[in-house]
Protein backbone atom coordinates (compact mmCIF):
# COMPACT_ATOMS: atom_id res chain seq x y z
CA MET A 1 20.04 28.02 17.49
CA PRO A 2 16.99 25.41 16.89
CA GLU A 3 14.11 25.51 18.93
CA ALA A 4 14.13 21.91 20.58
CA PRO A 5 10.88 19.89 20.43
CA ALA A 6 7.68 19.99 21.77
CA THR A 7 7.22 17.80 25.05
CA GLY A 8 5.74 14.67 23.76
CA GLU A 9 8.15 13.78 20.66
CA PRO A 10 6.46 12.74 17.88
CA VAL A 11 7.88 10.98 14.61
CA LEU A 12 7.53 10.45 10.70
CA GLU A 13 6.38 7.34 9.46
CA VAL A 14 8.97 7.45 5.97
CA VAL A 15 7.60 5.07 3.87
CA SER A 16 9.84 4.38 0.54
CA PRO A 17 8.37 4.57 -3.47
CA ASP A 18 9.49 0.32 -2.67
CA SER A 19 6.88 0.19 0.30
CA SER A 20 9.74 -0.05 3.13
CA ARG A 21 8.94 2.03 6.05
CA ARG A 22 11.33 3.52 8.61
CA ILE A 23 10.48 5.87 11.58
CA VAL A 24 12.29 9.30 12.09
CA ARG A 25 12.58 11.03 15.22
CA ILE A 26 11.34 15.04 15.43
CA THR A 27 14.49 15.85 17.16
CA GLN A 28 14.30 20.00 16.54
CA THR A 29 12.12 22.57 15.30
CA PRO A 30 12.45 23.68 12.32
CA PHE A 31 12.93 20.65 10.58
CA PHE A 32 13.53 20.25 7.39
CA ILE A 33 12.96 17.71 4.56
CA GLY A 34 14.32 17.22 0.97
CA ARG A 35 16.51 15.51 -1.56
CA GLY A 36 20.46 15.10 0.16
CA GLY A 37 21.83 16.70 3.33
CA VAL A 38 23.31 19.54 0.90
CA THR A 39 20.74 22.10 2.34
CA GLY A 40 20.54 21.10 5.48
CA ASN A 41 17.92 18.69 5.37
CA HIS A 42 17.48 16.40 8.78
CA LEU A 43 15.20 13.89 6.70
CA GLN A 44 16.84 13.64 3.07
CA LEU A 45 15.14 11.83 0.21
CA ASP A 46 16.24 9.84 -2.14
CA ASP A 47 13.81 11.33 -5.16
CA PRO A 48 15.29 13.51 -7.88
CA ARG A 49 11.71 14.67 -8.52
CA VAL A 50 11.41 16.39 -4.16
CA SER A 51 13.19 19.69 -4.47
CA ARG A 52 16.50 19.92 -2.35
CA GLN A 53 14.81 22.38 0.06
CA SER A 54 11.01 20.57 -0.22
CA ALA A 55 9.41 21.25 3.49
CA ALA A 56 9.74 21.82 6.85
CA ILE A 57 7.70 21.22 10.95
CA ILE A 58 7.34 23.88 12.82
CA SER A 59 6.55 24.06 16.44
CA GLU A 60 4.73 26.82 17.50
CA GLY A 61 2.61 26.75 20.71
CA GLY A 62 2.55 23.70 21.65
CA ARG A 63 1.48 22.75 17.55
CA PHE A 64 3.09 21.21 15.15
CA TYR A 65 2.32 22.87 11.25
CA LEU A 66 3.35 21.74 7.95
CA GLU A 67 5.12 24.44 5.38
CA ASP A 68 5.81 24.12 1.70
CA ARG A 69 9.51 25.09 1.45
CA GLY A 70 9.68 25.03 -2.68
CA GLN A 71 8.74 21.77 -3.65
CA ARG A 72 8.32 22.69 -6.98
CA ARG A 73 5.26 20.15 -7.57
CA GLY A 74 3.29 21.58 -4.63
CA LEU A 75 3.46 20.05 -1.46
CA HIS A 76 0.33 17.99 -0.18
CA LEU A 77 -1.23 17.16 3.27
CA SER A 78 -3.71 14.11 2.46
CA GLY A 79 -4.28 15.08 -0.30
CA LYS A 80 -4.72 18.41 -0.45
CA GLN A 81 -2.12 21.00 -1.68
CA ILE A 82 -0.75 23.42 0.89
CA ASP A 83 1.65 26.22 1.75
CA ARG A 84 1.22 25.79 5.62
CA CYS A 85 -1.42 24.09 7.89
CA VAL A 86 -1.55 22.32 11.24
CA LEU A 87 -0.39 18.96 11.15
CA GLN A 88 -2.51 16.68 13.12
CA ASP A 89 -1.90 12.52 14.00
CA GLY A 90 -2.02 10.66 11.48
CA ASP A 91 -1.84 13.06 8.32
CA VAL A 92 -0.43 12.08 5.41
CA ILE A 93 2.68 14.34 3.41
CA SER A 94 3.70 13.55 -0.27
CA PHE A 95 5.42 15.50 -2.85
CA GLY A 96 2.27 15.89 -5.97
CA VAL A 97 4.23 13.27 -7.70
CA GLU A 98 2.81 8.87 -8.07
CA GLY A 99 5.15 6.59 -6.64
CA SER A 100 7.39 8.53 -4.82
CA PHE A 101 7.92 8.78 -1.07
CA GLU A 102 4.69 9.19 1.45
CA ILE A 103 5.23 10.25 5.73
CA ILE A 104 3.33 9.71 8.00
CA PHE A 105 2.86 11.94 11.22
CA ARG A 106 2.74 10.26 14.65
CA SER A 107 1.60 12.85 17.48
CA ALA A 108 3.48 12.34 20.26
CA GLU A 109 1.79 8.48 21.35
CA ALA A 110 0.44 8.87 25.35
CA ASP A 111 -0.95 12.14 24.52
CA SER A 112 -2.78 11.64 21.70
CA SER A 113 -3.93 8.19 22.82
CA ILE A 114 -4.82 9.62 25.76
CA GLU A 115 -6.33 12.40 24.37
CA SER A 116 -8.33 10.53 22.06
CA LEU A 117 -9.75 7.92 24.90
CA LEU A 118 -11.30 11.15 26.46
CA THR A 119 -12.69 12.49 23.77
CA ARG A 120 -14.25 8.75 23.55
CA ILE A 121 -15.44 8.47 26.69
CA GLN A 122 -17.16 11.93 26.24
CA SER A 123 -18.84 11.18 23.19
CA ILE A 124 -20.30 8.37 24.93
CA PRO A 125 -24.03 8.80 26.33
CA THR A 126 -24.65 7.94 29.78
CA THR A 127 -28.59 7.19 29.14
CA GLY A 128 -29.37 3.45 28.82
CA SER A 129 -25.88 2.22 30.84
CA SER A 130 -25.66 -1.01 31.61
CA PRO A 131 -25.54 -1.00 35.34
CA GLY A 132 -21.83 -2.47 35.23
CA GLY A 133 -21.71 0.28 32.72
CA LEU A 134 -19.00 2.73 34.86
CA HIS A 135 -16.47 -0.67 35.37
CA LYS A 136 -16.08 -1.57 31.73
CA LEU A 137 -15.25 2.22 31.36
CA ASN A 138 -12.94 1.63 33.72
CA LEU A 139 -11.72 -1.70 31.80
CA LEU A 140 -10.85 0.27 28.79
CA LEU A 141 -9.14 3.09 30.81
CA GLU A 142 -6.99 0.74 31.96
CA ALA A 143 -6.28 -1.75 28.79
CA THR A 144 -5.15 2.24 26.94
CA MET A 145 -2.32 2.65 29.70
CA LEU A 146 -1.67 -0.83 29.22
CA LEU A 147 -0.62 0.87 25.89
CA HIS A 148 2.38 2.86 27.26
CA SER A 149 3.47 0.28 29.71
CA GLN A 150 6.80 -1.53 29.78
CA LEU A 151 5.24 -5.06 29.79
CA PRO A 152 6.12 -7.22 27.03
CA LEU A 153 3.86 -7.63 24.46
CA GLU A 154 1.86 -10.85 24.72
CA SER A 155 1.66 -9.67 28.14
CA VAL A 156 -0.17 -6.51 27.04
CA LEU A 157 -1.89 -8.70 24.42
CA GLY A 158 -3.43 -11.38 26.41
CA THR A 159 -4.48 -8.79 28.86
CA MET A 160 -6.89 -7.00 26.47
CA LEU A 161 -8.39 -10.00 25.25
CA ASP A 162 -9.86 -10.92 28.47
CA HIS A 163 -11.11 -7.34 29.73
CA ALA A 164 -12.70 -7.65 25.58
CA ILE A 165 -14.07 -11.05 27.25
CA SER A 166 -15.03 -9.03 29.96
CA ILE A 167 -16.96 -6.60 28.45
CA THR A 168 -19.21 -9.14 25.58
CA ASP A 169 -19.26 -11.82 28.61
CA ALA A 170 -18.27 -14.27 25.73
CA ASP A 171 -16.59 -17.75 26.75
CA ARG A 172 -13.59 -17.38 24.61
CA GLY A 173 -11.37 -14.71 22.75
CA LEU A 174 -8.43 -14.99 20.24
CA LEU A 175 -6.63 -12.90 18.45
CA LEU A 176 -5.38 -13.90 14.79
CA GLU A 177 -2.87 -12.49 12.31
CA PRO A 178 -2.25 -12.72 9.02
CA ASP A 179 0.98 -14.86 8.14
CA ALA A 180 3.03 -13.95 4.89
CA SER A 181 0.13 -15.37 2.44
CA GLY A 182 -2.81 -13.85 3.85
CA THR A 183 -3.98 -16.70 5.82
CA LEU A 184 -5.11 -15.86 9.41
CA GLN A 185 -3.12 -17.36 12.52
CA ILE A 186 -3.91 -17.82 16.37
CA ARG A 187 -1.44 -15.58 17.90
CA LEU A 188 -3.48 -16.25 21.13
CA ALA A 189 -6.07 -17.90 22.43
CA ARG A 190 -7.70 -17.26 25.97
CA ARG A 191 -10.92 -17.76 28.11
CA THR A 192 -13.32 -16.45 30.96
CA GLY A 193 -10.78 -15.92 34.01
CA GLY A 194 -7.83 -14.79 32.51
CA LEU A 195 -7.05 -18.14 31.32
CA ARG A 196 -4.31 -18.89 28.47
CA LEU A 197 -6.00 -21.06 26.10
CA ALA A 198 -3.89 -23.78 23.42
CA SER A 199 -3.92 -22.76 19.87
CA GLU A 200 -4.42 -26.44 18.66
CA GLY A 201 -8.33 -27.34 17.78
CA LEU A 202 -9.81 -24.13 18.24
CA ALA A 203 -11.98 -23.84 15.11
CA PRO A 204 -13.09 -19.45 15.11
CA SER A 205 -16.05 -19.46 12.65
CA GLN A 206 -14.62 -19.02 9.34
CA THR A 207 -17.73 -17.53 7.64
CA ALA A 208 -17.26 -14.81 10.99
CA LEU A 209 -14.29 -14.13 10.09
CA ARG A 210 -15.23 -13.90 6.17
CA GLN A 211 -17.68 -11.56 6.68
CA ALA A 212 -15.79 -9.21 8.67
CA LEU A 213 -12.73 -9.15 5.95
CA GLU A 214 -15.11 -8.60 3.53
CA LYS A 215 -17.21 -5.78 4.79
CA LYS A 216 -14.59 -4.68 6.48
CA SER A 217 -16.29 -4.07 9.71
CA ALA A 218 -17.05 -5.65 12.67
CA VAL A 219 -19.76 -8.80 12.50
CA ILE A 220 -21.42 -8.80 16.57
CA THR A 221 -24.08 -11.44 16.45
CA GLU A 222 -26.34 -11.19 19.41
CA ASP A 223 -28.17 -14.82 18.99
CA LEU A 224 -27.36 -17.05 16.38
CA ALA A 225 -30.43 -18.09 16.58
CA GLN A 226 -31.92 -14.83 15.22
CA ALA A 227 -29.09 -14.43 12.12
CA ASP A 228 -28.56 -14.67 8.77
CA ILE A 229 -29.38 -18.15 7.80
CA MET A 230 -25.35 -18.83 6.51
CA LEU A 231 -24.34 -17.97 10.08
CA GLN A 232 -26.59 -20.29 11.49
CA ASP A 233 -25.36 -23.11 8.64
CA ALA A 234 -22.16 -22.33 8.87
CA GLN A 235 -20.59 -26.40 10.62
CA SER A 236 -18.14 -24.49 13.12
CA ILE A 237 -21.15 -22.71 14.65
CA VAL A 238 -23.26 -26.02 14.39
CA ALA A 239 -20.39 -28.19 16.12
CA GLN A 240 -20.03 -25.74 18.51
CA ARG A 241 -23.13 -25.20 19.68
CA LEU A 242 -21.83 -20.99 19.80
CA ARG A 243 -25.08 -19.00 20.09
CA ALA A 244 -22.99 -15.39 20.71
CA VAL A 245 -19.96 -14.30 17.74
CA VAL A 246 -18.11 -11.31 17.34
CA ALA A 247 -15.36 -10.70 14.71
CA ILE A 248 -13.55 -6.63 14.75
CA PRO A 249 -10.70 -6.51 12.01
CA LEU A 250 -8.16 -4.67 13.63
CA TYR A 251 -6.98 -1.95 10.97
CA ALA A 252 -3.36 0.44 10.98
CA MET A 253 -5.73 3.67 10.61
CA SER A 254 -3.85 6.51 8.74
CA ARG A 255 -6.95 9.33 10.41
CA ALA A 256 -9.05 8.32 12.94
CA ASN A 257 -12.35 10.46 13.92
CA SER A 258 -12.27 9.68 17.51
CA ALA A 259 -15.83 10.94 17.80
CA GLU A 260 -16.72 7.85 15.87
CA SER A 261 -16.13 3.70 16.07
CA SER A 262 -14.02 2.50 14.54
CA ILE A 263 -16.59 1.47 11.63
CA HIS A 264 -16.17 4.78 10.21
CA THR A 265 -12.10 5.49 10.53
CA GLU A 266 -10.05 5.86 7.45
CA ARG A 267 -8.69 2.10 7.19
CA GLY A 268 -4.56 1.63 6.57
CA HIS A 269 -2.03 -1.84 6.86
CA PHE A 270 -4.91 -4.75 8.20
CA LEU A 271 -3.41 -5.79 11.04
CA GLY A 272 -5.37 -9.17 12.00
CA VAL A 273 -8.88 -9.85 14.20
CA VAL A 274 -10.29 -10.03 17.10
CA TYR A 275 -12.74 -12.80 17.32
CA LEU A 276 -14.52 -13.87 20.46
CA ASP A 277 -17.40 -16.05 21.02
CA SER A 278 -19.59 -18.16 23.61
CA ARG A 279 -22.27 -20.82 23.99
CA ARG A 280 -24.76 -18.20 25.01
CA PRO A 281 -26.70 -15.57 23.86
CA ALA A 282 -25.39 -12.27 24.27
CA ALA A 283 -27.37 -8.58 23.96
CA PHE A 284 -25.01 -5.77 24.19
CA SER A 285 -25.83 -2.04 25.42
CA LYS A 286 -25.16 1.20 23.20
CA LEU A 287 -22.31 1.41 25.71
CA GLU A 288 -21.32 -1.90 25.72
CA ARG A 289 -20.69 -1.67 21.69
CA GLN A 290 -18.54 1.65 21.80
CA ILE A 291 -16.42 0.64 24.58
CA LEU A 292 -16.15 -2.46 22.40
CA ASP A 293 -15.20 -0.75 19.40
CA ALA A 294 -12.88 1.59 21.01
CA LEU A 295 -11.07 -1.03 22.75
CA ALA A 296 -10.34 -2.69 18.99
CA LEU A 297 -9.08 0.55 18.28
CA GLU A 298 -5.97 0.84 20.87
CA ALA A 299 -5.83 -3.18 20.47
CA ALA A 300 -4.86 -1.95 16.12
CA SER A 301 -2.95 0.86 18.16
CA ILE A 302 -0.73 -1.75 19.91
CA LEU A 303 -0.27 -4.40 16.95
CA ASP A 304 1.15 -1.21 14.58
CA ASN A 305 3.11 0.21 17.27
CA ALA A 306 5.03 -3.51 17.06
CA ARG A 307 4.66 -3.68 13.64
CA LEU A 308 6.67 0.02 13.25
CA VAL A 309 9.23 -1.10 16.25
CA GLU A 310 10.36 -4.90 13.79
CA TYR A 311 10.80 -2.97 11.01
CA GLU A 312 12.93 0.02 12.59
CA ARG A 313 14.79 -2.97 14.41
CA GLN A 314 14.92 -4.81 10.85
CA ARG A 315 16.12 -1.33 8.84
CA GLN A 316 18.77 -0.94 11.89
CA ARG A 317 19.99 -5.13 11.67
CA LEU A 318 19.92 -4.52 7.67
CA GLU A 319 22.16 -0.90 7.89
CA GLN A 320 24.52 -2.74 9.97
CA GLU A 321 25.53 -5.49 7.86
CA LEU A 322 25.96 -2.91 5.28
CA SER A 323 28.31 -0.70 6.97
CA ILE A 324 30.19 -3.72 7.97
CA ALA A 325 30.61 -5.10 4.23
CA ARG A 326 30.93 -1.32 2.93
CA ASP A 327 33.71 -1.29 5.53
CA ILE A 328 35.41 -4.50 3.81
CA GLN A 329 34.76 -3.11 0.72
CA GLN A 330 36.47 0.42 0.52
CA ALA A 331 39.40 -1.57 2.60
CA LEU A 332 40.37 -3.81 -0.34
CA LEU A 333 39.90 -0.57 -2.69
CA PRO A 334 43.67 0.54 -3.62
CA ARG A 335 44.67 3.82 -1.15
CA GLY A 336 47.45 5.66 -2.26
CA PHE A 337 49.06 4.52 -5.39
CA ARG A 338 52.40 3.37 -5.14
CA ASP A 339 54.51 4.30 -8.09
CA PHE A 340 55.40 2.10 -10.74
CA PRO A 341 58.40 2.26 -12.82
CA HIS A 342 56.64 2.79 -16.60
CA LEU A 343 52.64 4.26 -15.76
CA THR A 344 51.38 6.23 -13.07
CA VAL A 345 47.82 5.49 -11.87
CA SER A 346 44.26 7.88 -9.84
CA GLY A 347 41.56 5.97 -9.41
CA VAL A 348 37.54 7.48 -7.45
CA ASN A 349 34.55 5.28 -6.70
CA LEU A 350 31.75 7.13 -5.36
CA PRO A 351 29.35 3.87 -4.46
CA CYS A 352 25.22 4.63 -4.92
CA LEU A 353 24.39 3.00 -2.57
CA SER A 354 25.79 2.25 1.67
CA VAL A 355 27.28 -0.80 -0.34
CA GLY A 356 28.41 -0.62 -4.18
CA GLY A 357 29.46 -2.81 -7.02
CA ASP A 358 32.02 -1.66 -8.57
CA TYR A 359 35.22 -1.65 -7.79
CA PHE A 360 38.93 -0.98 -9.39
CA ASP A 361 42.47 -2.58 -8.86
CA VAL A 362 46.27 -2.09 -9.68
CA PHE A 363 48.85 -4.94 -8.35
CA PRO A 364 52.54 -5.97 -10.24
CA MET A 365 53.45 -9.11 -12.01
CA LYS A 366 56.19 -10.43 -11.41
CA ASP A 367 57.49 -10.44 -15.04
CA GLU A 368 58.19 -6.09 -14.53
CA ARG A 369 54.35 -5.39 -16.21
CA THR A 370 51.61 -4.00 -14.00
CA ALA A 371 48.13 -5.29 -14.10
CA PHE A 372 45.26 -2.88 -13.34
CA LEU A 373 41.50 -3.62 -14.00
CA ILE A 374 37.92 -1.90 -13.28
CA ALA A 375 34.89 -3.86 -12.84
CA ASP A 376 31.39 -3.57 -12.07
CA VAL A 377 28.85 -6.66 -10.53
CA SER A 378 25.67 -7.13 -11.07
CA GLY A 379 23.34 -5.85 -8.82
CA LYS A 380 24.11 -3.72 -5.53
CA GLY A 381 23.81 -3.46 -1.71
CA LEU A 382 25.73 -6.39 0.38
CA GLY A 383 25.20 -9.42 -2.45
CA ALA A 384 27.70 -7.32 -4.47
CA ALA A 385 30.16 -6.24 -2.01
CA LEU A 386 31.29 -10.13 -1.60
CA LEU A 387 31.12 -10.85 -4.96
CA THR A 388 33.94 -7.94 -5.20
CA THR A 389 35.75 -9.33 -2.74
CA MET A 390 36.11 -12.29 -4.08
CA LEU A 391 36.69 -11.67 -7.59
CA GLN A 392 39.36 -9.12 -6.21
CA GLY A 393 41.37 -12.05 -4.11
CA ALA A 394 41.10 -14.55 -7.36
CA LEU A 395 42.44 -11.72 -9.14
CA SER A 396 45.18 -10.38 -6.89
CA GLY A 397 46.60 -14.27 -7.29
CA MET A 398 48.02 -13.57 -10.88
CA THR A 399 50.79 -11.66 -9.07
CA MET A 400 52.69 -15.14 -9.72
CA GLY A 401 52.43 -14.88 -12.88
CA ALA A 402 48.99 -16.49 -13.77
CA ASP A 403 47.78 -16.45 -17.60
CA PRO A 404 44.80 -14.00 -17.51
CA ALA A 405 42.47 -15.89 -20.19
CA GLY A 406 42.90 -18.86 -17.84
CA VAL A 407 42.35 -17.05 -14.65
CA PHE A 408 39.26 -16.04 -16.46
CA ASN A 409 37.42 -19.28 -18.24
CA HIS A 410 38.21 -20.36 -14.51
CA LEU A 411 36.41 -17.16 -13.17
CA ASN A 412 33.64 -17.72 -15.34
CA ASN A 413 32.88 -21.39 -14.91
CA PHE A 414 32.93 -21.64 -11.00
CA LEU A 415 30.47 -18.73 -10.99
CA CYS A 416 28.53 -20.51 -13.35
CA GLU A 417 28.45 -23.48 -11.61
CA HIS A 418 26.99 -22.07 -8.20
CA ALA A 419 24.12 -20.04 -9.61
CA GLU A 420 22.93 -19.26 -6.80
CA VAL A 421 24.93 -16.97 -6.63
CA GLY A 422 22.75 -15.26 -8.86
CA LYS A 423 25.39 -12.07 -9.84
CA TYR A 424 27.66 -11.92 -12.78
CA ALA A 425 30.68 -9.18 -12.83
CA THR A 426 31.33 -6.85 -16.47
CA MET A 427 35.31 -6.27 -16.40
CA PHE A 428 37.84 -4.42 -18.17
CA PHE A 429 41.74 -6.36 -16.90
CA GLY A 430 44.91 -4.99 -18.53
CA VAL A 431 48.84 -5.92 -18.53
CA LEU A 432 50.43 -3.07 -19.29
CA GLY A 433 54.97 -3.66 -20.01
CA ARG A 434 57.91 -1.40 -19.71
CA GLY A 435 57.58 -1.28 -23.29
CA GLY A 436 54.41 0.30 -23.90
CA GLU A 437 52.52 -3.22 -24.96
CA LEU A 438 49.58 -3.79 -23.22
CA GLU A 439 47.64 -7.40 -22.99
CA TYR A 440 43.46 -7.11 -22.00
CA ILE A 441 40.19 -9.10 -21.66
CA ASN A 442 37.16 -6.72 -21.72
CA ALA A 443 34.83 -9.23 -20.24
CA GLY A 444 31.42 -7.10 -21.65
CA HIS A 445 32.60 -3.53 -19.73
CA PRO A 446 32.20 -0.45 -21.56
CA PRO A 447 35.69 -0.47 -23.19
CA PRO A 448 37.80 2.45 -22.28
CA LEU A 449 38.85 6.10 -24.12
CA LEU A 450 42.47 6.60 -24.86
CA LEU A 451 43.79 9.86 -24.21
CA ARG A 452 46.32 10.43 -27.07
CA ALA A 453 48.37 14.01 -27.67
CA GLY A 454 44.75 15.81 -27.96
CA ASP A 455 43.22 12.90 -29.42
CA LEU A 456 40.88 10.72 -27.93
CA VAL A 457 40.18 6.96 -29.65
CA GLU A 458 38.80 4.05 -29.21
CA PRO A 459 41.71 0.73 -29.73
CA PHE A 460 39.48 -1.40 -27.41
CA THR A 461 37.70 -3.16 -30.10
CA GLU A 462 37.83 -6.56 -28.85
CA GLY A 463 35.72 -8.19 -26.35
CA SER A 464 33.06 -10.80 -24.85
CA PHE A 465 30.10 -11.59 -21.82
CA PRO A 466 30.08 -10.80 -18.92
CA VAL A 467 31.51 -12.80 -16.19
CA GLY A 468 29.42 -15.73 -14.73
CA LEU A 469 26.69 -15.58 -17.03
CA ILE A 470 27.90 -17.71 -19.90
CA ALA A 471 28.87 -21.02 -19.22
CA GLY A 472 31.42 -22.52 -21.28
CA THR A 473 32.86 -18.85 -22.24
CA GLU A 474 36.34 -18.62 -24.16
CA TYR A 475 38.30 -15.89 -22.93
CA GLU A 476 41.22 -14.55 -24.99
CA ALA A 477 43.35 -12.09 -24.89
CA ALA A 478 43.92 -8.67 -27.23
CA ARG A 479 47.10 -7.10 -27.75
CA VAL A 480 47.78 -2.81 -28.51
CA THR A 481 50.85 -0.39 -28.14
CA LEU A 482 50.61 2.32 -26.19
CA GLU A 483 52.43 5.22 -26.84
CA ALA A 484 54.53 7.93 -24.80
CA GLY A 485 51.53 9.82 -22.36
CA ASP A 486 49.20 8.10 -23.61
CA THR A 487 45.58 8.20 -21.02
CA LEU A 488 44.07 5.02 -20.86
CA VAL A 489 40.41 6.73 -19.33
CA LEU A 490 38.16 3.39 -17.50
CA PHE A 491 35.14 4.17 -16.21
CA SER A 492 31.67 2.11 -15.31
CA ASP A 493 28.56 2.82 -17.10
CA GLY A 494 27.49 4.82 -13.56
CA VAL A 495 28.98 7.78 -15.85
CA THR A 496 27.48 7.32 -18.98
CA GLU A 497 24.08 6.26 -17.56
CA ALA A 498 24.55 9.32 -14.74
CA ALA A 499 20.94 10.73 -15.13
CA ASP A 500 19.50 13.97 -15.25
CA PRO A 501 15.92 14.91 -13.74
CA ASP A 502 14.38 14.88 -16.80
CA GLN A 503 15.43 10.71 -17.22
CA GLU A 504 17.87 12.35 -20.10
CA LEU A 505 21.89 9.80 -19.94
CA TYR A 506 25.10 11.72 -19.67
CA GLY A 507 26.31 9.37 -22.30
CA VAL A 508 30.10 8.61 -24.21
CA PRO A 509 29.92 12.57 -26.26
CA ARG A 510 29.39 14.25 -23.19
CA LEU A 511 32.23 12.16 -21.59
CA ARG A 512 34.78 13.32 -24.68
CA GLU A 513 33.54 16.49 -24.48
CA ALA A 514 34.63 16.68 -20.56
CA LEU A 515 38.38 14.74 -21.60
CA ALA A 516 38.60 16.77 -24.78
CA GLY A 517 41.93 18.96 -25.41
CA ARG A 518 43.37 17.32 -21.40
CA HIS A 519 45.58 14.80 -23.19
CA ASP A 520 48.72 16.10 -20.59
CA ALA A 521 46.72 17.15 -17.95
CA PRO A 522 47.55 16.05 -14.23
CA LEU A 523 45.27 12.75 -13.81
CA ASP A 524 43.69 14.65 -10.35
CA HIS A 525 42.49 17.61 -13.03
CA LEU A 526 40.78 14.93 -15.48
CA HIS A 527 39.15 13.60 -12.68
CA LYS A 528 37.75 16.50 -11.41
CA ALA A 529 36.68 17.32 -15.07
CA VAL A 530 35.23 14.26 -15.28
CA PHE A 531 33.16 14.31 -11.36
CA ASP A 532 32.19 18.20 -12.17
CA SER A 533 30.67 17.30 -15.89
CA VAL A 534 28.61 14.26 -14.82
CA GLU A 535 27.39 16.37 -11.42
CA LYS A 536 26.20 20.20 -13.85
CA PHE A 537 24.63 17.74 -16.15
CA SER A 538 22.12 15.74 -13.44
CA ARG A 539 21.74 18.73 -11.73
CA GLY A 540 21.41 17.43 -7.93
CA ALA A 541 19.13 14.26 -9.75
CA SER A 542 19.51 10.86 -7.30
CA GLN A 543 21.79 8.41 -9.52
CA GLY A 544 20.85 4.58 -9.48
CA ASP A 545 24.44 3.30 -9.86
CA ASP A 546 28.58 3.20 -8.93
CA ILE A 547 30.22 6.32 -10.74
CA THR A 548 33.54 4.43 -10.59
CA VAL A 549 36.82 6.56 -13.24
CA LEU A 550 39.90 4.34 -13.36
CA LEU A 551 42.73 6.21 -15.37
CA VAL A 552 46.10 4.85 -16.22
CA ARG A 553 49.13 6.70 -18.26
CA TYR A 554 51.95 4.92 -20.28
CA ARG A 555 55.14 6.67 -19.25
CA THR A 556 58.51 5.00 -21.59
CA PRO A 557 61.84 4.19 -18.80
CA LEU A 558 63.13 7.38 -19.75
CA GLN A 559 59.94 9.25 -19.00
CA ALA A 560 60.31 7.74 -15.92
CA ALA A 561 64.26 8.22 -14.84
CA ALA A 562 63.66 12.02 -15.73
CA SER A 563 60.47 12.23 -12.86
């Protein structure tokens, strides 16, 4: 039975190759990490270069350890390859390859923050402290406890800013955050006495802010009359008659040394700036500077935690949207194919993401013919699913006997006229009559293979552009005649472009090998042969496209009656 996690449950911040982030809790130990879920991984990483059994996190004696469980390119912790190592807050786990996942270990927030706070206080010398030193240490303790309170975020940040004003005896304090373009915007403004300031019209010193960002460390000027000439002559400083300015950049700390100030810690993502100013000169003791550094670290921790929570909320919203789209799309795929008088059908769709862009369908026409199709919508996810739904609705209207070429022309013109949709689809559409006459349109899709009496042939040479790609394309139907027992193998490019760990593609020749000599095999056996062959070739590598196969076997009326 897995051991329950230690009190104060830690979390993992998982950074994907596309830089997206999510939070995963260590809910039990051993906590297994690797590719796929076959080996019981609690954290599954979609990267073929990560081994199926890669790593484990284990709780022993109140501490957490990282163990290499077979990562073929070595398991690394904060840049060093390890076999087993104790985990500390901010450690970065990587897998020995460029552009793969990184995992940041976050220890239990309350325990680690209070412990680091006490360590910082113990490291602050009492000699030379101001008479108000104990009061200011108390402010730091209060600020740290706010980090674990249930108060609204704005209230917590406001109190943190009030404490910074009190420690520095400033007239006002601002919290600035970068917007999407990187420009600093005022999020919160306070003044002496814990009063809120309207952000309109406030003009923090751009020179002090720029210097803090360039240095990536605090700019603390006790008396601007003795500062460098650039600060003295700054327009906002002169206009507002400022004498003291403090600008402290805030960074997410990937690894912090609690015995040092924020100037000497390793910095991660830029979060914002705490800015304070006054019209009176200031004189900061060593204690006050260290308390200010510690307070800035706590402010950065609050902002970073809020950022991570927002990432997690966005991820959950996206997963919910994709779940809805997946349910809709899967419901549209045919289930339990009905019996048709002159053909048997079997189809399988394996989406690479929670919502894929492949689909297939089979439906009767009014003139005793049967239509079937396979399609691959460009892109993946929600947009592809919505376009798939629209295409299926349009094509299903052909049960009333509409001309296939006319329907394709209309669909193409509609999608091209609505370019904001930004999607197109490859498609093979066929209509099979009782006598074996097959009318088809190939809109940029991989041509099907034909199993005929032990041979594999490729008679579908006619084709055109994908639907929705080029305006004004005129689609025309081509015709071939099927023989009794012929089996059409329709597939998406996810089959032939399936890749192994070395990025070699599966290809049409391997598909032909998997089908060779199976012209009379049951359709479910043919499906198994294809998927087994692809799985064996890919050797567990993660695939970037859906894998879809539709099989259509023609039966003469005499064969149908005999069955």
